[in-house]
Amino acid sequence: MAKFKFPRNPGTDRTSPFEDEHGDNPFSDGTPAPAKVIPGNLFSAPEDGEGRSYTPDDYEAALVPNSNRSLVLAIIGVVMSALGVGGVGLGIAGVGTWASPLFVALPVQFAALATAAPACIMATRDLRAMRAGAMSRDSRRKSRLALVLGVCGILLGATPVVAYFALLFYAALFS
């Protein structure tokens, strides 16, 4: 039977580089490779009774924890948020209007959010890696504390920002 050829297909006339004119492999030593015996059930356990064939003895966690950095960022975020909230409160009590103290303290709140949010992200990633076993559990308490302080910093920082924009909307709507 003749070999089917696609019209204008350059790949149909190719010869295999692993076969010579007699159909033998010129790169082999002439002995056929032994066939592997495949068991009847590929998903069965090994015959010697062990579940795993290799367990490393010197297993080492690969990732380095960022708990110190995330804790420092979270503390900075909480302190800046508290300063912003306290500054807004003192400014409103001293000046008597709400617009100017919030406008001055708003950059402090945004800076607090800019430090507390990465602290939460880094602490969450560290805790996930610790649960997965890719990171040492030695700094788990620091990471958890950084996550809690980061969330507090975000809430303390976001509350005055949301209140400021709500007051601006209220003043624009009812003025």
Protein backbone atom coordinates (compact mmCIF):
# COMPACT_ATOMS: atom_id res chain seq x y z
CA MET A 1 0.00 0.00 0.00
CA ALA A 2 1.34 3.42 -0.89
CA LYS A 3 2.08 5.99 1.78
CA PHE A 4 -0.56 8.71 1.93
CA LYS A 5 0.81 12.15 1.12
CA PHE A 6 -0.83 15.41 2.02
CA PRO A 7 -0.71 17.91 -0.81
CA ARG A 8 2.07 20.48 -0.39
CA ASN A 9 3.10 19.17 3.06
CA PRO A 10 6.88 19.24 3.46
CA GLY A 11 6.82 16.91 6.48
CA THR A 12 5.64 13.84 4.57
CA ASP A 13 8.95 13.14 2.81
CA ARG A 14 11.11 13.31 5.94
CA THR A 15 13.10 10.33 7.07
CA SER A 16 13.76 9.48 10.68
CA PRO A 17 17.32 10.24 11.86
CA PHE A 18 17.11 7.16 14.09
CA GLU A 19 16.61 4.70 11.23
CA ASP A 20 19.00 3.85 8.46
CA GLU A 21 18.03 2.43 5.04
CA HIS A 22 17.42 -1.01 6.57
CA GLY A 23 15.20 0.34 9.38
CA ASP A 24 17.83 -0.19 12.11
CA ASN A 25 18.88 2.39 14.67
CA PRO A 26 22.48 3.40 13.90
CA PHE A 27 22.98 4.73 17.44
CA SER A 28 22.20 1.50 19.26
CA ASP A 29 24.64 -1.25 20.17
CA GLY A 30 22.46 -3.88 18.53
CA THR A 31 20.97 -5.44 21.67
CA PRO A 32 17.32 -4.75 22.32
CA ALA A 33 16.44 -2.93 25.53
CA PRO A 34 14.86 -5.09 28.22
CA ALA A 35 11.14 -4.56 28.59
CA LYS A 36 9.93 -3.26 31.94
CA VAL A 37 7.38 -5.39 33.68
CA ILE A 38 4.39 -3.29 34.62
CA PRO A 39 2.30 -4.62 37.51
CA GLY A 40 -1.36 -5.30 36.99
CA ASN A 41 -2.50 -2.44 39.23
CA LEU A 42 -0.49 0.75 38.77
CA PHE A 43 -2.02 2.32 41.88
CA SER A 44 -1.22 -0.49 44.29
CA ALA A 45 1.17 -0.03 47.21
CA PRO A 46 4.75 -1.27 46.94
CA GLU A 47 5.26 -4.92 47.76
CA ASP A 48 7.68 -4.31 50.62
CA GLY A 49 4.94 -2.61 52.67
CA GLU A 50 6.40 0.88 52.76
CA GLY A 51 4.18 3.73 51.68
CA ARG A 52 6.99 6.00 50.53
CA SER A 53 10.19 4.87 48.97
CA TYR A 54 12.20 7.93 50.04
CA THR A 55 11.87 10.12 53.11
CA PRO A 56 14.53 12.80 53.59
CA ASP A 57 16.20 12.73 56.98
CA ASP A 58 17.60 16.23 56.84
CA TYR A 59 14.44 18.02 55.72
CA GLU A 60 14.83 21.77 55.97
CA ALA A 61 12.21 24.47 55.52
CA ALA A 62 13.03 26.42 52.38
CA LEU A 63 11.38 29.79 52.92
CA VAL A 64 12.70 32.51 55.22
CA PRO A 65 10.06 34.07 57.50
CA ASN A 66 9.28 37.78 57.20
CA SER A 67 7.78 38.02 60.66
CA ASN A 68 10.15 40.74 61.94
CA ARG A 69 9.52 42.99 58.93
CA SER A 70 5.78 42.48 59.01
CA LEU A 71 5.68 43.12 62.77
CA VAL A 72 7.63 46.38 62.39
CA LEU A 73 5.35 47.51 59.55
CA ALA A 74 2.25 46.63 61.58
CA ILE A 75 3.48 48.55 64.64
CA ILE A 76 4.29 51.58 62.48
CA GLY A 77 0.83 51.35 60.91
CA VAL A 78 -0.95 51.18 64.27
CA VAL A 79 1.08 54.06 65.72
CA MET A 80 0.49 56.26 62.67
CA SER A 81 -3.21 55.42 62.67
CA ALA A 82 -3.50 56.28 66.35
CA LEU A 83 -1.62 59.54 65.80
CA GLY A 84 -3.92 60.38 62.91
CA VAL A 85 -7.08 59.62 64.85
CA GLY A 86 -5.81 61.53 67.90
CA GLY A 87 -4.71 64.44 65.73
CA VAL A 88 -8.11 64.62 64.08
CA GLY A 89 -9.88 64.51 67.44
CA LEU A 90 -7.68 67.21 68.95
CA GLY A 91 -7.92 69.30 65.80
CA ILE A 92 -11.70 69.17 65.71
CA ALA A 93 -11.90 70.00 69.40
CA GLY A 94 -9.41 72.89 69.04
CA VAL A 95 -10.51 74.43 65.74
CA GLY A 96 -14.20 73.69 65.95
CA THR A 97 -14.59 72.58 62.31
CA TRP A 98 -14.08 69.14 60.90
CA ALA A 99 -12.70 69.96 57.45
CA SER A 100 -9.23 71.37 58.13
CA PRO A 101 -8.00 68.87 60.78
CA LEU A 102 -9.11 65.92 58.68
CA PHE A 103 -7.45 67.37 55.61
CA VAL A 104 -4.17 67.72 57.51
CA ALA A 105 -4.38 64.27 59.12
CA LEU A 106 -5.52 62.49 55.95
CA PRO A 107 -1.97 61.93 54.60
CA VAL A 108 -1.00 60.37 57.93
CA GLN A 109 -3.94 57.97 57.62
CA PHE A 110 -2.99 57.03 54.06
CA ALA A 111 0.61 56.43 55.16
CA ALA A 112 -0.70 54.25 57.99
CA LEU A 113 -2.74 52.24 55.50
CA ALA A 114 0.31 51.98 53.24
CA THR A 115 2.31 50.32 56.03
CA ALA A 116 -0.40 48.23 57.70
CA ALA A 117 -1.71 46.60 54.52
CA PRO A 118 1.65 45.09 53.45
CA ALA A 119 2.15 43.89 57.02
CA CYS A 120 -1.13 41.96 56.79
CA ILE A 121 -0.22 40.53 53.39
CA MET A 122 3.26 39.42 54.51
CA ALA A 123 1.97 37.92 57.76
CA THR A 124 -0.80 36.03 55.94
CA ARG A 125 1.68 34.59 53.43
CA ASP A 126 4.01 33.56 56.24
CA LEU A 127 1.22 31.81 58.14
CA ARG A 128 0.10 29.99 55.00
CA ALA A 129 3.66 28.85 54.30
CA MET A 130 4.01 27.67 57.89
CA ARG A 131 0.80 25.66 57.60
CA ALA A 132 2.06 24.12 54.35
CA GLY A 133 5.37 23.18 55.96
CA ALA A 134 7.55 25.32 53.69
CA MET A 135 8.59 27.67 56.50
CA SER A 136 9.82 27.17 60.03
CA ARG A 137 7.15 27.52 62.71
CA ASP A 138 9.50 29.33 65.09
CA SER A 139 8.15 32.79 64.21
CA ARG A 140 4.48 31.86 64.11
CA ARG A 141 3.56 34.01 67.14
CA LYS A 142 5.25 37.07 65.62
CA SER A 143 3.46 36.55 62.31
CA ARG A 144 0.11 36.16 64.04
CA LEU A 145 0.74 39.30 66.12
CA ALA A 146 1.74 41.19 62.98
CA LEU A 147 -1.49 40.10 61.30
CA VAL A 148 -3.61 41.26 64.24
CA LEU A 149 -1.79 44.59 64.54
CA GLY A 150 -1.96 45.09 60.78
CA VAL A 151 -5.72 44.57 60.78
CA CYS A 152 -6.05 47.00 63.70
CA GLY A 153 -3.91 49.52 61.82
CA ILE A 154 -6.06 49.16 58.71
CA LEU A 155 -9.28 49.60 60.67
CA LEU A 156 -7.90 52.57 62.62
CA GLY A 157 -6.57 54.13 59.44
CA ALA A 158 -9.61 53.50 57.27
CA THR A 159 -12.25 54.70 59.74
CA PRO A 160 -11.28 58.41 59.66
CA VAL A 161 -10.82 58.30 55.88
CA VAL A 162 -14.30 56.87 55.39
CA ALA A 163 -15.73 59.32 57.94
CA TYR A 164 -14.01 62.24 56.19
CA PHE A 165 -15.46 61.35 52.81
CA ALA A 166 -18.88 60.67 54.36
CA LEU A 167 -18.80 64.14 55.97
CA LEU A 168 -17.76 65.70 52.66
CA PHE A 169 -20.62 63.94 50.91
CA TYR A 170 -23.06 64.98 53.65
CA ALA A 171 -21.89 68.61 53.49
CA ALA A 172 -22.14 68.69 49.71
CA LEU A 173 -25.55 67.04 49.72
CA PHE A 174 -27.19 69.18 52.40
CA SER A 175 -25.47 72.54 51.93
